[in-house]
Amino acid sequence: MDFGQSFAISASGMAVEKARLDVIALNLANLNSTRSADGGIYQPLRLISGEKAGALNFSSLLQGYGGGGAEVREVRALAVPPRLVYEPAHPDADDKGFVAYPGVNQVTEMVSLMSAVRAYEANVVAMSAARSMALKTLEFGAK
């Protein structure tokens, strides 16, 4: 495996985690929205990722070839019920005085946020290690 492939694998992981952060930020930004752009209620989103086709695995590593990395498969709207809050003075309140807010779970989103940040950091460390090994290899060739 060449070092370029290591960089590409880490870069694809960082891209997926950046996209995951964007989805989490969108969910948190709409936590207290009562209407979406189309007039309905905002549905929380979840990013689904997976390995790229031809991804590097243990057997391909032993054979000396493979693609590698991760990719975003889809961003899916979750079918969760709205959170009903009693606010009779709110302009979007129903006839019983309840306002429907998106079913975004703030705790779940924050845990997902921390997980995505840690995964991003792990990919940065892996890329840094590959860079360090490549530089050491060049030092050996210079002597």
Protein backbone atom coordinates (compact mmCIF):
# COMPACT_ATOMS: atom_id res chain seq x y z
CA MET A 1 0.00 0.00 0.00
CA ASP A 2 1.40 3.40 -0.91
CA PHE A 3 1.18 6.44 1.33
CA GLY A 4 -1.16 8.22 -1.08
CA GLN A 5 -3.72 5.50 -0.44
CA SER A 6 -3.37 6.00 3.33
CA PHE A 7 -3.96 9.72 2.89
CA ALA A 8 -7.02 9.07 0.71
CA ILE A 9 -8.52 6.68 3.26
CA SER A 10 -8.10 9.18 6.10
CA ALA A 11 -9.37 12.03 3.94
CA SER A 12 -12.52 10.10 3.05
CA GLY A 13 -13.13 9.40 6.73
CA MET A 14 -12.72 13.08 7.55
CA ALA A 15 -15.15 14.02 4.76
CA VAL A 16 -17.79 11.63 6.12
CA GLU A 17 -17.43 12.96 9.66
CA LYS A 18 -17.60 16.55 8.39
CA ALA A 19 -20.86 15.68 6.60
CA ARG A 20 -22.12 14.04 9.81
CA LEU A 21 -21.34 17.28 11.71
CA ASP A 22 -23.29 19.27 9.11
CA VAL A 23 -26.35 17.03 9.60
CA ILE A 24 -26.10 17.29 13.40
CA ALA A 25 -25.80 21.08 13.17
CA LEU A 26 -28.91 21.18 10.96
CA ASN A 27 -30.85 19.12 13.50
CA LEU A 28 -29.74 21.31 16.40
CA ALA A 29 -30.47 24.51 14.46
CA ASN A 30 -34.06 23.36 13.89
CA LEU A 31 -34.61 22.17 17.46
CA ASN A 32 -37.14 24.93 18.15
CA SER A 33 -38.51 25.46 14.63
CA THR A 34 -42.25 25.16 14.37
CA ARG A 35 -42.41 25.05 10.57
CA SER A 36 -40.14 23.90 7.77
CA ALA A 37 -39.81 25.71 4.44
CA ASP A 38 -42.68 23.67 2.98
CA GLY A 39 -44.96 24.50 5.93
CA GLY A 40 -44.69 21.10 7.62
CA ILE A 41 -42.71 20.19 10.69
CA TYR A 42 -38.96 19.60 10.43
CA GLN A 43 -37.96 15.92 10.52
CA PRO A 44 -34.58 15.16 12.12
CA LEU A 45 -31.99 13.76 9.74
CA ARG A 46 -29.49 10.94 10.15
CA LEU A 47 -26.45 10.31 7.95
CA ILE A 48 -25.81 6.73 6.83
CA SER A 49 -22.22 5.94 5.84
CA GLY A 50 -20.36 2.85 4.77
CA GLU A 51 -17.15 1.67 3.22
CA LYS A 52 -16.40 2.54 -0.39
CA ALA A 53 -16.69 -0.14 -3.03
CA GLY A 54 -13.38 -1.94 -3.28
CA ALA A 55 -12.49 -0.81 0.22
CA LEU A 56 -9.31 -1.94 1.82
CA ASN A 57 -9.75 -4.91 4.13
CA PHE A 58 -7.38 -7.39 5.72
CA SER A 59 -7.26 -9.85 2.80
CA SER A 60 -6.69 -7.10 0.22
CA LEU A 61 -3.97 -5.67 2.46
CA LEU A 62 -2.15 -9.02 2.40
CA GLN A 63 -2.48 -9.20 -1.38
CA GLY A 64 -1.16 -5.65 -1.80
CA TYR A 65 -4.16 -3.91 -3.35
CA GLY A 66 -7.43 -2.33 -2.43
CA GLY A 67 -9.32 0.91 -2.57
CA GLY A 68 -10.35 2.09 0.80
CA GLY A 69 -12.14 4.68 2.75
CA ALA A 70 -15.63 5.64 3.68
CA GLU A 71 -18.46 7.37 1.89
CA VAL A 72 -21.84 8.88 2.65
CA ARG A 73 -24.55 6.46 1.54
CA GLU A 74 -27.60 8.61 2.28
CA VAL A 75 -29.10 11.23 4.54
CA ARG A 76 -32.38 9.89 5.84
CA ALA A 77 -35.24 11.74 7.57
CA LEU A 78 -36.25 10.01 10.78
CA ALA A 79 -39.93 9.30 11.33
CA VAL A 80 -40.20 10.56 14.90
CA PRO A 81 -43.29 12.12 16.46
CA PRO A 82 -43.18 15.83 17.21
CA ARG A 83 -42.56 17.16 20.69
CA LEU A 84 -45.75 18.85 21.92
CA VAL A 85 -45.38 21.84 24.23
CA TYR A 86 -48.27 23.69 25.83
CA GLU A 87 -47.96 27.32 24.69
CA PRO A 88 -51.45 28.69 24.04
CA ALA A 89 -50.16 32.19 23.17
CA HIS A 90 -47.86 30.89 20.40
CA PRO A 91 -49.08 31.71 16.86
CA ASP A 92 -48.59 28.08 15.76
CA ALA A 93 -50.53 26.59 18.68
CA ASP A 94 -53.37 24.21 17.83
CA ASP A 95 -56.91 24.58 19.19
CA LYS A 96 -55.84 22.89 22.48
CA GLY A 97 -52.88 25.26 22.93
CA PHE A 98 -50.10 22.83 21.99
CA VAL A 99 -47.24 23.71 19.67
CA ALA A 100 -45.57 20.90 17.70
CA TYR A 101 -41.78 21.12 17.73
CA PRO A 102 -39.48 18.71 15.84
CA GLY A 103 -38.71 15.45 17.61
CA VAL A 104 -35.00 16.28 17.80
CA ASN A 105 -33.39 14.70 20.86
CA GLN A 106 -30.77 17.20 21.98
CA VAL A 107 -28.88 14.67 24.12
CA THR A 108 -28.61 12.18 21.24
CA GLU A 109 -27.43 14.92 18.91
CA MET A 110 -24.74 16.06 21.35
CA VAL A 111 -23.48 12.49 21.84
CA SER A 112 -23.40 12.05 18.05
CA LEU A 113 -21.53 15.34 17.78
CA MET A 114 -18.85 14.22 20.23
CA SER A 115 -18.54 10.86 18.48
CA ALA A 116 -18.13 12.52 15.06
CA VAL A 117 -15.49 14.91 16.41
CA ARG A 118 -13.52 12.01 17.94
CA ALA A 119 -13.73 10.02 14.70
CA TYR A 120 -12.53 13.07 12.75
CA GLU A 121 -9.62 13.48 15.17
CA ALA A 122 -8.72 9.79 14.80
CA ASN A 123 -8.53 10.21 11.02
CA VAL A 124 -6.29 13.26 11.46
CA VAL A 125 -3.97 11.23 13.71
CA ALA A 126 -3.86 8.38 11.17
CA MET A 127 -3.04 10.83 8.36
CA SER A 128 -0.35 12.44 10.50
CA ALA A 129 1.18 9.02 11.24
CA ALA A 130 1.23 8.13 7.53
CA ARG A 131 2.85 11.49 6.77
CA SER A 132 5.48 10.91 9.45
CA MET A 133 6.27 7.44 8.09
CA ALA A 134 6.55 8.82 4.54
CA LEU A 135 8.97 11.50 5.70
CA LYS A 136 11.07 8.93 7.60
CA THR A 137 11.18 6.79 4.47
CA LEU A 138 12.48 9.75 2.48
CA GLU A 139 15.15 10.36 5.13
CA PHE A 140 16.41 6.79 4.73
CA GLY A 141 16.68 7.26 0.98
CA ALA A 142 18.65 10.51 1.39
CA LYS A 143 21.45 8.88 3.40
